């Protein structure tokens, strides 16, 4: 029996019927980790003893009929998420040795339903990257071809699912960090509506963009996990109550649009373009209305995203100063400010430093209105125009990425080329909308491709139904 290929609902039936135990499931995933992780570097830390102990307890609860709704679901968690009494490094040397005193709300809600956390997964430092090469602990590698990247920043989370090292991963998405690695690794990844899932316990990169969401082989499992991590949380005032999104008027679900400027973008790989238009033909054959639409702000998406996220990053990361927790320089310092500088210079990676400096620049008094204020105005235009399109259509679809997984080192010397890789994913974060990436076959080099679906706020259920039809 290949446990990793089963949907959780099928796995749960076997558990309830006594044909399988949680201990069996955890042992299977631990064997996969032992076989593959040294090469793929998806997990930074594996909770083997703890996971087996929890599995035995959950088996007892299944036998007594008191098990939670996610009993036996084995999950991995991105290194940006806090887990009580466990290390959370955010992929950075500056948090090396840091141990969290509480669990992120999303993790705690899964644990409360008897999900089993098997380990902590590799990621780009503070979520800043598209390839996982910015991790201070080395990159996660693509299981399909280890000469290629896994995507970022939730690269370890995607590879863990791809290589059958856990059933579901919990990642984060600021500009595509769930969907891009999902596409590169041939799995499914969901970025919920901003405000649907609590960000409490997420080590922040850009607070008005960050989202927590699941990655899995099966869309049905994404829907299941989303149903448990959603809803109001007193620790995060931006989260809406379950009643608000459940009361959202259902959509017709048969009107689909794609943005011409993206489908015909010069950066789009030929294999991906061909597969995308084949998917549009499939939608038409299923009775969907498919229309091409214009989007006048395509060229503004990336500048708006990077101005605002770097600004928020420079503010959020100011707390990492060597005083309260994490790394502190051992080099003698003249004064407190000198200690700050030495600590941050030693422990932050190059990409994090770059984004902090960019953010500090756009927030400076001389340039605040020219960059930050203007970007906020353009963000409003992008959001309003996107939601206008979603008044006339139920879904916006596109390729998830412009190319398949890059070769290791291919983009690292040119940050601008790296940033261009986010073009198809940042729109959902700028507008605060839900989006999902599902597999779209493989290119001529046998590398996975991704198909992206975006919907209006809190329309995840309809979006997941469409995704289920297409995988």
Protein backbone atom coordinates (compact mmCIF):
# COMPACT_ATOMS: atom_id res chain seq x y z
CA UNK A 1 0.00 0.00 0.00
CA UNK A 2 1.37 3.40 -1.03
CA UNK A 3 0.19 5.57 1.85
CA UNK A 4 1.36 8.80 0.26
CA UNK A 5 -0.93 8.40 -2.77
CA UNK A 6 -4.12 8.16 -0.68
CA UNK A 7 -6.38 11.09 0.08
CA UNK A 8 -6.78 11.68 3.79
CA UNK A 9 -10.44 10.58 3.64
CA UNK A 10 -9.35 7.16 2.33
CA UNK A 11 -6.55 6.98 4.88
CA UNK A 12 -8.98 7.76 7.68
CA UNK A 13 -11.30 4.92 6.62
CA UNK A 14 -8.41 2.47 6.90
CA UNK A 15 -7.54 3.86 10.32
CA UNK A 16 -11.13 3.60 11.58
CA UNK A 17 -11.42 0.06 10.20
CA UNK A 18 -8.22 -1.00 11.98
CA UNK A 19 -6.42 -1.86 8.73
CA UNK A 20 -3.77 0.76 9.42
CA UNK A 21 -2.41 2.60 12.46
CA UNK A 22 -1.06 6.10 12.92
CA UNK A 23 2.23 4.55 13.99
CA UNK A 24 2.36 2.72 10.62
CA UNK A 25 1.81 6.02 8.81
CA UNK A 26 4.46 7.92 10.76
CA UNK A 27 6.98 5.09 10.30
CA UNK A 28 6.34 5.16 6.55
CA UNK A 29 7.01 8.89 6.33
CA UNK A 30 10.08 8.63 8.58
CA UNK A 31 11.48 5.93 6.27
CA UNK A 32 10.92 8.25 3.29
CA UNK A 33 12.70 11.06 5.14
CA UNK A 34 15.60 8.77 6.01
CA UNK A 35 15.86 7.70 2.35
CA UNK A 36 15.61 11.11 0.69
CA UNK A 37 16.20 14.03 3.05
CA UNK A 38 19.99 13.94 3.20
CA UNK A 39 20.02 14.61 -0.55
CA UNK A 40 16.94 16.84 -0.91
CA UNK A 41 17.37 18.88 2.29
CA UNK A 42 13.62 19.45 2.63
CA UNK A 43 13.53 19.08 6.43
CA UNK A 44 15.82 21.06 8.71
CA UNK A 45 14.69 19.08 11.76
CA UNK A 46 12.70 15.84 12.10
CA UNK A 47 10.63 15.12 15.21
CA UNK A 48 10.88 11.34 14.89
CA UNK A 49 10.53 10.22 18.52
CA UNK A 50 7.91 12.83 19.27
CA UNK A 51 5.85 12.00 16.15
CA UNK A 52 5.84 8.27 16.97
CA UNK A 53 4.78 9.00 20.55
CA UNK A 54 1.94 11.25 19.35
CA UNK A 55 0.91 8.61 16.78
CA UNK A 56 0.58 5.97 19.52
CA UNK A 57 -1.63 8.32 21.56
CA UNK A 58 -3.82 9.06 18.55
CA UNK A 59 -4.18 5.33 17.85
CA UNK A 60 -5.58 4.94 21.36
CA UNK A 61 -8.05 7.76 20.72
CA UNK A 62 -9.19 6.13 17.45
CA UNK A 63 -9.81 2.86 19.30
CA UNK A 64 -11.85 4.67 21.96
CA UNK A 65 -13.78 6.73 19.39
CA UNK A 66 -12.49 10.08 20.67
CA UNK A 67 -10.03 10.97 17.87
CA UNK A 68 -10.11 14.36 16.18
CA UNK A 69 -11.11 14.98 12.58
CA UNK A 70 -7.49 14.93 11.36
CA UNK A 71 -6.26 11.89 13.28
CA UNK A 72 -3.27 10.40 11.49
CA UNK A 73 -2.71 13.33 9.13
CA UNK A 74 1.08 13.78 9.06
CA UNK A 75 2.15 17.37 8.43
CA UNK A 76 5.39 19.25 7.99
CA UNK A 77 5.69 22.94 8.88
CA UNK A 78 7.68 25.68 7.20
CA UNK A 79 10.51 27.16 9.25
CA UNK A 80 8.66 30.51 9.36
CA UNK A 81 5.95 29.10 11.64
CA UNK A 82 6.26 28.97 15.41
CA UNK A 83 5.72 25.64 17.18
CA UNK A 84 5.77 25.62 20.97
CA UNK A 85 9.02 24.36 22.53
CA UNK A 86 10.54 23.81 19.07
CA UNK A 87 13.10 25.75 17.07
CA UNK A 88 11.92 28.32 14.52
CA UNK A 89 14.83 29.77 12.54
CA UNK A 90 13.01 31.43 9.59
CA UNK A 91 15.79 30.00 7.43
CA UNK A 92 18.17 32.50 9.03
CA UNK A 93 21.32 32.46 11.14
CA UNK A 94 19.98 35.38 13.14
CA UNK A 95 17.38 33.10 14.75
CA UNK A 96 19.64 30.08 15.11
CA UNK A 97 19.00 28.60 18.58
CA UNK A 98 15.65 30.43 18.94
CA UNK A 99 12.92 28.24 20.45
CA UNK A 100 9.29 29.37 20.35
CA UNK A 101 7.19 29.64 23.51
CA UNK A 102 3.89 29.21 21.65
CA UNK A 103 2.40 27.63 18.51
CA UNK A 104 1.04 29.45 15.50
CA UNK A 105 -2.76 29.40 15.51
CA UNK A 106 -2.87 27.44 12.24
CA UNK A 107 -0.58 24.73 13.64
CA UNK A 108 -2.41 24.54 16.96
CA UNK A 109 -5.77 24.09 15.21
CA UNK A 110 -4.41 21.11 13.28
CA UNK A 111 -2.82 19.60 16.40
CA UNK A 112 -6.12 20.02 18.27
CA UNK A 113 -7.69 17.72 15.66
CA UNK A 114 -4.91 15.13 16.18
CA UNK A 115 -2.75 15.93 13.18
CA UNK A 116 0.86 14.85 13.77
CA UNK A 117 3.75 17.26 13.12
CA UNK A 118 6.74 15.35 11.73
CA UNK A 119 9.26 18.13 11.25
CA UNK A 120 10.42 21.64 10.36
CA UNK A 121 10.96 22.45 6.68
CA UNK A 122 13.59 24.42 4.79
CA UNK A 123 12.77 27.84 3.29
CA UNK A 124 14.32 31.01 1.92
CA UNK A 125 15.47 33.31 4.72
CA UNK A 126 12.41 35.12 6.13
CA UNK A 127 10.47 33.98 3.04
CA UNK A 128 12.56 36.20 0.77
CA UNK A 129 13.27 34.25 -2.39
CA UNK A 130 11.87 32.24 -5.28
CA UNK A 131 14.25 29.27 -5.29
CA UNK A 132 15.05 28.29 -1.67
CA UNK A 133 18.69 29.18 -2.41
CA UNK A 134 18.50 32.03 0.11
CA UNK A 135 18.19 29.64 3.05
CA UNK A 136 21.07 30.01 5.48
CA UNK A 137 21.10 26.21 5.71
CA UNK A 138 21.45 25.41 2.01
CA UNK A 139 18.78 24.93 -0.67
CA UNK A 140 16.08 22.27 -0.85
CA UNK A 141 16.42 20.40 -4.15
CA UNK A 142 13.76 19.35 -6.62
CA UNK A 143 12.99 15.62 -6.26
CA UNK A 144 12.20 15.40 -9.98
CA UNK A 145 15.71 16.57 -10.88
CA UNK A 146 18.14 17.57 -8.16
CA UNK A 147 20.08 19.82 -10.53
CA UNK A 148 17.05 22.13 -10.34
CA UNK A 149 15.62 24.29 -7.55
CA UNK A 150 12.47 23.48 -5.61
CA UNK A 151 11.08 27.01 -5.84
CA UNK A 152 10.60 29.38 -2.98
CA UNK A 153 10.20 30.41 -0.47
CA UNK A 154 8.33 27.27 0.74
CA UNK A 155 10.71 25.00 -1.18
CA UNK A 156 11.24 22.43 1.56
CA UNK A 157 7.49 22.22 2.13
CA UNK A 158 6.84 21.46 -1.55
CA UNK A 159 9.65 18.90 -1.84
CA UNK A 160 8.48 17.11 1.31
CA UNK A 161 5.10 16.48 -0.32
CA UNK A 162 6.66 15.75 -3.74
CA UNK A 163 9.02 13.10 -2.28
CA UNK A 164 6.32 11.57 -0.03
CA UNK A 165 7.96 12.70 3.22
CA UNK A 166 4.67 13.98 4.70
CA UNK A 167 1.02 14.05 3.69
CA UNK A 168 0.51 17.83 3.92
CA UNK A 169 2.86 20.77 4.39
CA UNK A 170 1.91 24.08 5.92
CA UNK A 171 3.65 26.90 4.05
CA UNK A 172 3.42 30.66 3.73
CA UNK A 173 2.78 32.85 0.69
CA UNK A 174 3.74 36.54 0.44
CA UNK A 175 4.05 36.81 -3.34
CA UNK A 176 3.74 33.22 -4.55
CA UNK A 177 5.79 31.30 -1.99
CA UNK A 178 3.30 28.42 -1.80
CA UNK A 179 2.17 28.37 -5.43
CA UNK A 180 5.56 28.74 -7.15
CA UNK A 181 7.25 25.76 -5.41
CA UNK A 182 4.03 23.76 -5.79
CA UNK A 183 4.22 24.36 -9.56
CA UNK A 184 7.96 23.56 -9.71
CA UNK A 185 7.43 20.32 -7.77
CA UNK A 186 4.20 19.11 -9.38
CA UNK A 187 1.98 19.31 -6.29
CA UNK A 188 -0.99 21.53 -5.36
CA UNK A 189 -0.69 24.62 -3.19
CA UNK A 190 -3.32 27.03 -1.83
CA UNK A 191 -2.97 30.68 -0.84
CA UNK A 192 -6.18 31.66 1.03
CA UNK A 193 -7.87 35.07 0.99
CA UNK A 194 -5.96 37.55 3.14
CA UNK A 195 -7.81 37.56 6.46
CA UNK A 196 -9.16 34.01 6.27
CA UNK A 197 -6.32 32.35 8.21
CA UNK A 198 -4.69 33.83 11.31
CA UNK A 199 -1.10 34.98 10.91
CA UNK A 200 -0.44 34.62 14.64
CA UNK A 201 2.80 32.69 15.01
CA UNK A 202 4.04 33.46 11.50
CA UNK A 203 7.44 35.19 11.59
CA UNK A 204 6.48 38.22 9.53
CA UNK A 205 8.02 39.31 6.23
CA UNK A 206 5.36 41.73 4.88
CA UNK A 207 2.35 41.79 7.16
CA UNK A 208 -0.26 43.04 4.68
CA UNK A 209 0.73 40.35 2.15
CA UNK A 210 1.62 37.25 4.21
CA UNK A 211 -0.72 34.25 4.15
CA UNK A 212 -0.54 30.73 5.60
CA UNK A 213 -1.79 27.86 3.47
CA UNK A 214 -1.45 24.12 2.76
CA UNK A 215 0.39 22.10 0.11
CA UNK A 216 -0.61 18.54 -0.77
CA UNK A 217 -0.95 16.00 -3.57
CA UNK A 218 -4.75 16.13 -3.47
CA UNK A 219 -6.94 19.23 -3.75
CA UNK A 220 -9.43 17.57 -1.41
CA UNK A 221 -6.77 17.60 1.33
CA UNK A 222 -6.11 21.31 0.78
CA UNK A 223 -9.83 21.95 1.30
CA UNK A 224 -9.86 19.85 4.46
CA UNK A 225 -6.89 21.62 6.02
CA UNK A 226 -8.25 25.04 5.04
CA UNK A 227 -11.54 24.28 6.79
CA UNK A 228 -9.67 23.70 10.05
CA UNK A 229 -7.18 26.57 9.98
CA UNK A 230 -9.71 29.24 8.90
CA UNK A 231 -11.63 31.58 11.15
CA UNK A 232 -11.40 34.40 13.66
CA UNK A 233 -8.55 34.53 16.13
CA UNK A 234 -8.24 37.00 18.99
CA UNK A 235 -4.50 37.21 18.35
CA UNK A 236 -4.89 38.59 14.78
CA UNK A 237 -7.31 41.46 14.21
CA UNK A 238 -7.14 41.10 10.41
CA UNK A 239 -8.87 37.70 10.46
CA UNK A 240 -12.59 37.52 9.75
CA UNK A 241 -15.02 35.15 11.43
CA UNK A 242 -16.12 31.92 9.79
CA UNK A 243 -19.65 33.29 9.46
CA UNK A 244 -18.42 36.11 7.21
CA UNK A 245 -16.82 33.91 4.58
CA UNK A 246 -19.38 31.11 4.81
CA UNK A 247 -22.11 33.70 4.17
CA UNK A 248 -20.41 34.83 0.94
CA UNK A 249 -22.88 34.47 -1.93
CA UNK A 250 -22.02 31.38 -4.04
CA UNK A 251 -20.82 32.17 -7.55
CA UNK A 252 -22.15 30.74 -10.80
CA UNK A 253 -18.78 29.17 -11.43
CA UNK A 254 -18.81 28.91 -15.23
CA UNK A 255 -17.28 32.23 -16.36
CA UNK A 256 -13.50 32.16 -16.68
CA UNK A 257 -11.09 34.87 -17.82
CA UNK A 258 -7.41 34.91 -18.60
CA UNK A 259 -5.27 38.02 -18.90
CA UNK A 260 -3.98 38.38 -22.46
CA UNK A 261 -0.85 40.26 -21.45
CA UNK A 262 0.19 37.37 -19.19
CA UNK A 263 -0.74 34.52 -21.55
CA UNK A 264 1.31 36.21 -24.28
CA UNK A 265 4.14 37.50 -22.08
CA UNK A 266 7.57 37.20 -23.74
CA UNK A 267 9.00 35.49 -20.64
CA UNK A 268 6.52 32.60 -20.91
CA UNK A 269 8.16 29.26 -21.72
CA UNK A 270 6.74 27.70 -24.91
CA UNK A 271 5.81 24.37 -23.25
CA UNK A 272 3.92 26.18 -20.50
CA UNK A 273 2.07 28.41 -22.98
CA UNK A 274 1.02 25.36 -25.02
CA UNK A 275 -0.16 23.43 -21.94
CA UNK A 276 -2.03 26.48 -20.66
CA UNK A 277 -4.04 26.95 -23.86
CA UNK A 278 -4.77 23.22 -23.93
CA UNK A 279 -6.20 23.59 -20.43
CA UNK A 280 -8.37 26.47 -21.66
CA UNK A 281 -9.70 24.22 -24.42
CA UNK A 282 -10.47 21.57 -21.82
CA UNK A 283 -12.45 24.13 -19.83
CA UNK A 284 -14.43 25.09 -22.93
CA UNK A 285 -15.20 21.43 -23.61
CA UNK A 286 -16.60 21.18 -20.09
CA UNK A 287 -19.02 24.03 -20.80
CA UNK A 288 -17.12 26.93 -19.29
CA UNK A 289 -17.14 30.37 -20.92
CA UNK A 290 -13.51 31.38 -21.43
CA UNK A 291 -12.68 34.99 -22.29
CA UNK A 292 -9.46 36.91 -22.82
CA UNK A 293 -9.34 40.19 -20.89
CA UNK A 294 -6.96 43.14 -20.77
CA UNK A 295 -5.15 44.12 -17.57
CA UNK A 296 -3.51 47.56 -17.84
CA UNK A 297 -1.38 47.16 -14.70
CA UNK A 298 0.72 44.12 -15.62
CA UNK A 299 3.92 46.21 -15.72
CA UNK A 300 3.07 47.73 -12.34
CA UNK A 301 2.55 44.44 -10.48
CA UNK A 302 6.16 43.66 -9.59
CA UNK A 303 7.28 47.24 -8.77
CA UNK A 304 4.24 47.73 -6.53
CA UNK A 305 4.81 44.40 -4.80
CA UNK A 306 8.52 44.94 -4.21
CA UNK A 307 8.23 48.55 -3.03
CA UNK A 308 5.58 47.67 -0.46
CA UNK A 309 6.94 44.32 0.73
CA UNK A 310 10.48 45.63 1.20
CA UNK A 311 9.08 48.58 3.14
CA UNK A 312 7.17 46.25 5.44
CA UNK A 313 10.17 43.94 5.73
CA UNK A 314 12.47 46.77 6.84
CA UNK A 315 9.99 47.51 9.63
CA UNK A 316 9.26 43.89 10.63
CA UNK A 317 12.89 42.80 10.68
CA UNK A 318 14.04 45.71 12.85
CA UNK A 319 13.22 43.56 15.89
CA UNK A 320 16.12 41.21 15.09
CA UNK A 321 18.87 43.23 16.72
CA UNK A 322 20.82 40.83 18.94
CA UNK A 323 19.30 42.16 22.16
CA UNK A 324 16.21 40.10 22.97
CA UNK A 325 16.73 36.74 21.23
CA UNK A 326 18.69 34.98 18.52
CA UNK A 327 22.23 35.71 17.36
CA UNK A 328 24.40 38.43 18.90
CA UNK A 329 27.85 39.35 17.61
CA UNK A 330 30.82 38.22 19.69
CA UNK A 331 32.99 40.97 18.20
CA UNK A 332 33.64 43.86 20.60
CA UNK A 333 31.34 46.81 19.86
CA UNK A 334 31.84 50.51 20.52
CA UNK A 335 28.22 51.09 21.54
CA UNK A 336 24.70 49.69 21.16
CA UNK A 337 24.25 50.86 17.56
CA UNK A 338 27.58 49.30 16.58
CA UNK A 339 26.44 46.02 18.16
CA UNK A 340 23.20 46.17 16.14
CA UNK A 341 25.14 46.72 12.92
CA UNK A 342 27.64 43.92 13.52
CA UNK A 343 24.95 41.45 14.58
CA UNK A 344 22.75 42.12 11.58
CA UNK A 345 25.66 42.16 9.14
CA UNK A 346 26.92 38.79 10.41
CA UNK A 347 23.60 36.97 10.58
CA UNK A 348 21.40 38.30 7.75
CA UNK A 349 21.91 36.87 4.27
CA UNK A 350 22.55 38.98 1.18
CA UNK A 351 18.96 38.95 -0.11
CA UNK A 352 17.53 39.93 3.27
CA UNK A 353 20.02 42.80 3.53
CA UNK A 354 19.11 43.90 0.00
CA UNK A 355 15.39 44.02 0.79
CA UNK A 356 15.87 45.77 4.13
CA UNK A 357 17.94 48.47 2.43
CA UNK A 358 15.42 48.86 -0.39
CA UNK A 359 12.59 49.11 2.14
CA UNK A 360 14.43 51.61 4.29
CA UNK A 361 15.11 53.70 1.18
CA UNK A 362 11.46 53.83 0.03
CA UNK A 363 10.35 54.73 3.58
CA UNK A 364 12.90 57.51 3.96
CA UNK A 365 11.61 61.06 4.30
CA UNK A 366 12.92 62.17 0.92
CA UNK A 367 11.43 59.30 -1.04
CA UNK A 368 8.36 58.25 0.95
CA UNK A 369 5.81 59.98 -1.29
CA UNK A 370 7.63 59.19 -4.51
CA UNK A 371 7.73 55.44 -3.85
CA UNK A 372 5.76 54.13 -0.86
CA UNK A 373 2.72 56.42 -1.12
CA UNK A 374 2.55 56.00 -4.89
CA UNK A 375 2.82 52.20 -4.57
CA UNK A 376 -0.07 52.14 -2.11
CA UNK A 377 -2.20 54.06 -4.61
CA UNK A 378 -1.27 51.68 -7.42
CA UNK A 379 -2.05 48.73 -5.15
CA UNK A 380 -5.57 50.08 -4.76
CA UNK A 381 -5.90 50.42 -8.54
CA UNK A 382 -4.71 46.83 -9.06
CA UNK A 383 -7.07 45.50 -6.41
CA UNK A 384 -10.09 47.41 -7.71
CA UNK A 385 -9.45 46.46 -11.33
CA UNK A 386 -8.90 42.79 -10.45
CA UNK A 387 -12.08 42.65 -8.41
CA UNK A 388 -13.89 44.40 -11.27
CA UNK A 389 -12.84 41.55 -13.55
CA UNK A 390 -14.17 39.13 -10.95
CA UNK A 391 -17.57 40.83 -11.03
CA UNK A 392 -17.90 39.82 -14.68
CA UNK A 393 -16.08 36.48 -14.35
CA UNK A 394 -15.94 33.85 -11.64
CA UNK A 395 -12.26 32.96 -11.97
CA UNK A 396 -9.02 34.35 -13.38
CA UNK A 397 -6.63 31.69 -14.66
CA UNK A 398 -2.98 31.79 -15.75
CA UNK A 399 0.17 29.71 -15.72
CA UNK A 400 1.58 29.70 -12.18
CA UNK A 401 5.10 30.50 -13.35
CA UNK A 402 6.68 31.71 -16.57
CA UNK A 403 9.09 28.76 -16.67
CA UNK A 404 9.69 25.39 -15.06
CA UNK A 405 12.21 25.00 -12.21
CA UNK A 406 15.46 26.87 -12.75
CA UNK A 407 18.81 25.13 -12.60
CA UNK A 408 20.65 25.67 -9.32
CA UNK A 409 22.53 28.96 -9.43
CA UNK A 410 20.85 30.06 -12.66
CA UNK A 411 19.20 33.19 -11.23
CA UNK A 412 21.24 33.93 -8.13
CA UNK A 413 23.61 36.40 -9.78
CA UNK A 414 20.80 38.53 -11.21
CA UNK A 415 18.15 39.48 -8.60
CA UNK A 416 16.01 41.29 -11.18
CA UNK A 417 15.64 38.10 -13.23
CA UNK A 418 14.74 36.27 -10.02
CA UNK A 419 12.07 38.86 -9.20
CA UNK A 420 10.54 38.54 -12.69
CA UNK A 421 9.73 34.92 -11.85
CA UNK A 422 7.03 36.18 -9.45
CA UNK A 423 5.06 38.00 -12.16
CA UNK A 424 2.17 35.52 -12.37
CA UNK A 425 1.71 35.03 -8.62
CA UNK A 426 2.02 38.48 -6.98
CA UNK A 427 -1.36 39.76 -8.21
CA UNK A 428 -3.25 37.59 -5.72
CA UNK A 429 -1.19 38.94 -2.81
CA UNK A 430 -1.36 42.58 -3.93
CA UNK A 431 -5.17 42.25 -4.19
CA UNK A 432 -5.58 39.96 -1.14
CA UNK A 433 -7.35 37.27 -3.18
CA UNK A 434 -7.30 33.46 -2.93
CA UNK A 435 -5.31 31.50 -5.51
CA UNK A 436 -4.31 27.90 -6.08
CA UNK A 437 -1.68 26.18 -8.19
CA UNK A 438 -2.42 22.69 -9.51
CA UNK A 439 -0.24 20.42 -11.68
CA UNK A 440 -0.38 21.01 -15.45
CA UNK A 441 1.78 18.16 -16.72
CA UNK A 442 5.48 18.31 -17.53
CA UNK A 443 7.61 20.16 -20.07
CA UNK A 444 9.95 18.59 -22.64
CA UNK A 445 12.60 18.20 -19.91
CA UNK A 446 10.13 16.28 -17.69
CA UNK A 447 9.91 19.18 -15.23
CA UNK A 448 6.50 19.95 -13.67
CA UNK A 449 4.33 22.89 -14.78
CA UNK A 450 1.59 24.65 -12.81
CA UNK A 451 -1.87 26.05 -13.62
CA UNK A 452 -3.14 28.89 -11.40
CA UNK A 453 -6.74 29.74 -10.52
CA UNK A 454 -7.67 32.99 -8.73
CA UNK A 455 -11.10 33.90 -7.36
CA UNK A 456 -12.80 36.73 -5.49
CA UNK A 457 -12.41 37.09 -1.73
CA UNK A 458 -13.58 34.10 0.32
CA UNK A 459 -14.53 32.07 -2.77
CA UNK A 460 -12.07 29.27 -1.95
CA UNK A 461 -14.74 26.57 -2.01
CA UNK A 462 -15.75 27.33 -5.61
CA UNK A 463 -12.09 27.67 -6.60
CA UNK A 464 -11.27 24.30 -5.05
CA UNK A 465 -14.20 22.67 -6.87
CA UNK A 466 -12.86 23.91 -10.19
CA UNK A 467 -9.36 22.76 -9.29
CA UNK A 468 -10.69 19.28 -8.47
CA UNK A 469 -12.24 19.07 -11.93
CA UNK A 470 -8.95 19.89 -13.61
CA UNK A 471 -6.46 17.63 -11.82
